[in-house]
């Protein structure tokens, strides 16, 4: 039986931290590197790909993630609007 492999196109994550931007502080370099990898979602993607997930489960998780993202953005807009209204008074 021949198996199929679906490779989804994804952007390359080029995460690098220089000692110049952290002024030679190694602890700061490590923290900045971890922050950048978290922002690029590199570690999360590796954990997701560790085990196979059925497409239906993957879709369900993606929908839940999108819903959380929408709610978060909606709350941000709402809070910003409230702040603007407070300043006008």
C-alpha atoms as a PDB file:
ATOM      1  CA  UNK A   1       0.000   0.000   0.000  1.00  0.00           C
ATOM      2  CA  UNK A   2       1.307   3.397  -0.950  1.00  0.00           C
ATOM      3  CA  UNK A   3       0.914   6.170   1.578  1.00  0.00           C
ATOM      4  CA  UNK A   4       0.356   9.775   0.734  1.00  0.00           C
ATOM      5  CA  UNK A   5       2.092  12.607   2.435  1.00  0.00           C
ATOM      6  CA  UNK A   6       0.567  16.050   2.454  1.00  0.00           C
ATOM      7  CA  UNK A   7       3.102  18.788   2.887  1.00  0.00           C
ATOM      8  CA  UNK A   8       1.575  22.132   3.632  1.00  0.00           C
ATOM      9  CA  UNK A   9       3.512  25.179   2.522  1.00  0.00           C
ATOM     10  CA  UNK A  10       4.730  27.167   5.469  1.00  0.00           C
ATOM     11  CA  UNK A  11       6.973  30.107   5.931  1.00  0.00           C
ATOM     12  CA  UNK A  12      10.514  29.567   7.034  1.00  0.00           C
ATOM     13  CA  UNK A  13      11.178  30.750  10.524  1.00  0.00           C
ATOM     14  CA  UNK A  14      14.484  32.522  10.693  1.00  0.00           C
ATOM     15  CA  UNK A  15      14.945  33.258  14.372  1.00  0.00           C
ATOM     16  CA  UNK A  16      18.252  34.688  15.428  1.00  0.00           C
ATOM     17  CA  UNK A  17      19.399  36.827  18.295  1.00  0.00           C
ATOM     18  CA  UNK A  18      22.639  38.749  18.205  1.00  0.00           C
ATOM     19  CA  UNK A  19      24.718  39.717  21.191  1.00  0.00           C
ATOM     20  CA  UNK A  20      24.683  43.288  19.904  1.00  0.00           C
ATOM     21  CA  UNK A  21      20.900  43.660  20.293  1.00  0.00           C
ATOM     22  CA  UNK A  22      21.139  42.252  23.840  1.00  0.00           C
ATOM     23  CA  UNK A  23      24.281  44.191  24.723  1.00  0.00           C
ATOM     24  CA  UNK A  24      26.217  40.980  25.422  1.00  0.00           C
ATOM     25  CA  UNK A  25      23.844  39.829  28.159  1.00  0.00           C
ATOM     26  CA  UNK A  26      23.451  36.066  27.651  1.00  0.00           C
ATOM     27  CA  UNK A  27      20.378  35.763  29.897  1.00  0.00           C
ATOM     28  CA  UNK A  28      18.639  38.461  27.882  1.00  0.00           C
ATOM     29  CA  UNK A  29      19.646  36.665  24.658  1.00  0.00           C
ATOM     30  CA  UNK A  30      18.052  33.422  25.853  1.00  0.00           C
ATOM     31  CA  UNK A  31      14.848  35.188  26.908  1.00  0.00           C
ATOM     32  CA  UNK A  32      14.641  37.056  23.599  1.00  0.00           C
ATOM     33  CA  UNK A  33      15.252  33.839  21.636  1.00  0.00           C
ATOM     34  CA  UNK A  34      12.492  32.026  23.544  1.00  0.00           C
ATOM     35  CA  UNK A  35      10.130  34.943  22.997  1.00  0.00           C
ATOM     36  CA  UNK A  36      10.834  34.956  19.249  1.00  0.00           C
ATOM     37  CA  UNK A  37      10.342  31.202  18.906  1.00  0.00           C
ATOM     38  CA  UNK A  38       7.079  31.465  20.837  1.00  0.00           C
ATOM     39  CA  UNK A  39       5.919  34.265  18.553  1.00  0.00           C
ATOM     40  CA  UNK A  40       6.737  32.194  15.459  1.00  0.00           C
ATOM     41  CA  UNK A  41       4.974  29.209  17.101  1.00  0.00           C
ATOM     42  CA  UNK A  42       7.900  26.900  16.351  1.00  0.00           C
ATOM     43  CA  UNK A  43       7.756  24.846  19.556  1.00  0.00           C
ATOM     44  CA  UNK A  44       3.967  24.541  19.361  1.00  0.00           C
ATOM     45  CA  UNK A  45       4.175  23.235  15.803  1.00  0.00           C
ATOM     46  CA  UNK A  46       6.775  20.636  16.762  1.00  0.00           C
ATOM     47  CA  UNK A  47       4.570  19.416  19.608  1.00  0.00           C
ATOM     48  CA  UNK A  48       1.554  19.265  17.272  1.00  0.00           C
ATOM     49  CA  UNK A  49       3.453  17.211  14.690  1.00  0.00           C
ATOM     50  CA  UNK A  50       4.793  14.745  17.252  1.00  0.00           C
ATOM     51  CA  UNK A  51       1.692  12.534  16.983  1.00  0.00           C
ATOM     52  CA  UNK A  52      -0.747  11.976  14.148  1.00  0.00           C
ATOM     53  CA  UNK A  53      -4.113  13.682  14.452  1.00  0.00           C
ATOM     54  CA  UNK A  54      -7.132  12.757  12.430  1.00  0.00           C
ATOM     55  CA  UNK A  55      -8.185  15.524  10.042  1.00  0.00           C
ATOM     56  CA  UNK A  56     -11.547  15.877  11.806  1.00  0.00           C
ATOM     57  CA  UNK A  57      -9.819  16.463  15.157  1.00  0.00           C
ATOM     58  CA  UNK A  58      -7.384  18.909  13.577  1.00  0.00           C
ATOM     59  CA  UNK A  59     -10.282  20.865  12.038  1.00  0.00           C
ATOM     60  CA  UNK A  60     -12.132  20.904  15.360  1.00  0.00           C
ATOM     61  CA  UNK A  61      -9.070  22.262  17.154  1.00  0.00           C
ATOM     62  CA  UNK A  62      -8.486  24.854  14.436  1.00  0.00           C
ATOM     63  CA  UNK A  63     -12.080  26.052  14.714  1.00  0.00           C
ATOM     64  CA  UNK A  64     -11.784  26.345  18.501  1.00  0.00           C
ATOM     65  CA  UNK A  65      -8.483  28.224  18.136  1.00  0.00           C
ATOM     66  CA  UNK A  66     -10.022  30.615  15.609  1.00  0.00           C
ATOM     67  CA  UNK A  67     -13.003  31.231  17.885  1.00  0.00           C
ATOM     68  CA  UNK A  68     -10.703  32.058  20.825  1.00  0.00           C
ATOM     69  CA  UNK A  69      -8.709  34.399  18.586  1.00  0.00           C
ATOM     70  CA  UNK A  70     -11.898  36.163  17.399  1.00  0.00           C
ATOM     71  CA  UNK A  71     -13.138  36.593  20.970  1.00  0.00           C
ATOM     72  CA  UNK A  72      -9.787  37.957  22.091  1.00  0.00           C
ATOM     73  CA  UNK A  73      -9.712  40.474  19.224  1.00  0.00           C
ATOM     74  CA  UNK A  74     -13.293  41.494  19.963  1.00  0.00           C
ATOM     75  CA  UNK A  75     -12.450  42.086  23.631  1.00  0.00           C
ATOM     76  CA  UNK A  76      -9.400  44.140  22.633  1.00  0.00           C
ATOM     77  CA  UNK A  77     -11.526  46.349  20.396  1.00  0.00           C
ATOM     78  CA  UNK A  78     -14.153  46.708  23.098  1.00  0.00           C
ATOM     79  CA  UNK A  79     -11.587  47.719  25.731  1.00  0.00           C
ATOM     80  CA  UNK A  80      -9.971  50.196  23.354  1.00  0.00           C
ATOM     81  CA  UNK A  81     -13.382  51.738  22.656  1.00  0.00           C
ATOM     82  CA  UNK A  82     -14.076  52.015  26.396  1.00  0.00           C
ATOM     83  CA  UNK A  83     -10.696  53.709  26.938  1.00  0.00           C
ATOM     84  CA  UNK A  84     -11.450  56.187  24.160  1.00  0.00           C
ATOM     85  CA  UNK A  85     -14.846  56.941  25.666  1.00  0.00           C
ATOM     86  CA  UNK A  86     -13.310  57.527  29.104  1.00  0.00           C
ATOM     87  CA  UNK A  87     -10.835  60.049  27.698  1.00  0.00           C
ATOM     88  CA  UNK A  88     -13.614  62.058  26.018  1.00  0.00           C
ATOM     89  CA  UNK A  89     -15.486  62.677  29.265  1.00  0.00           C
END
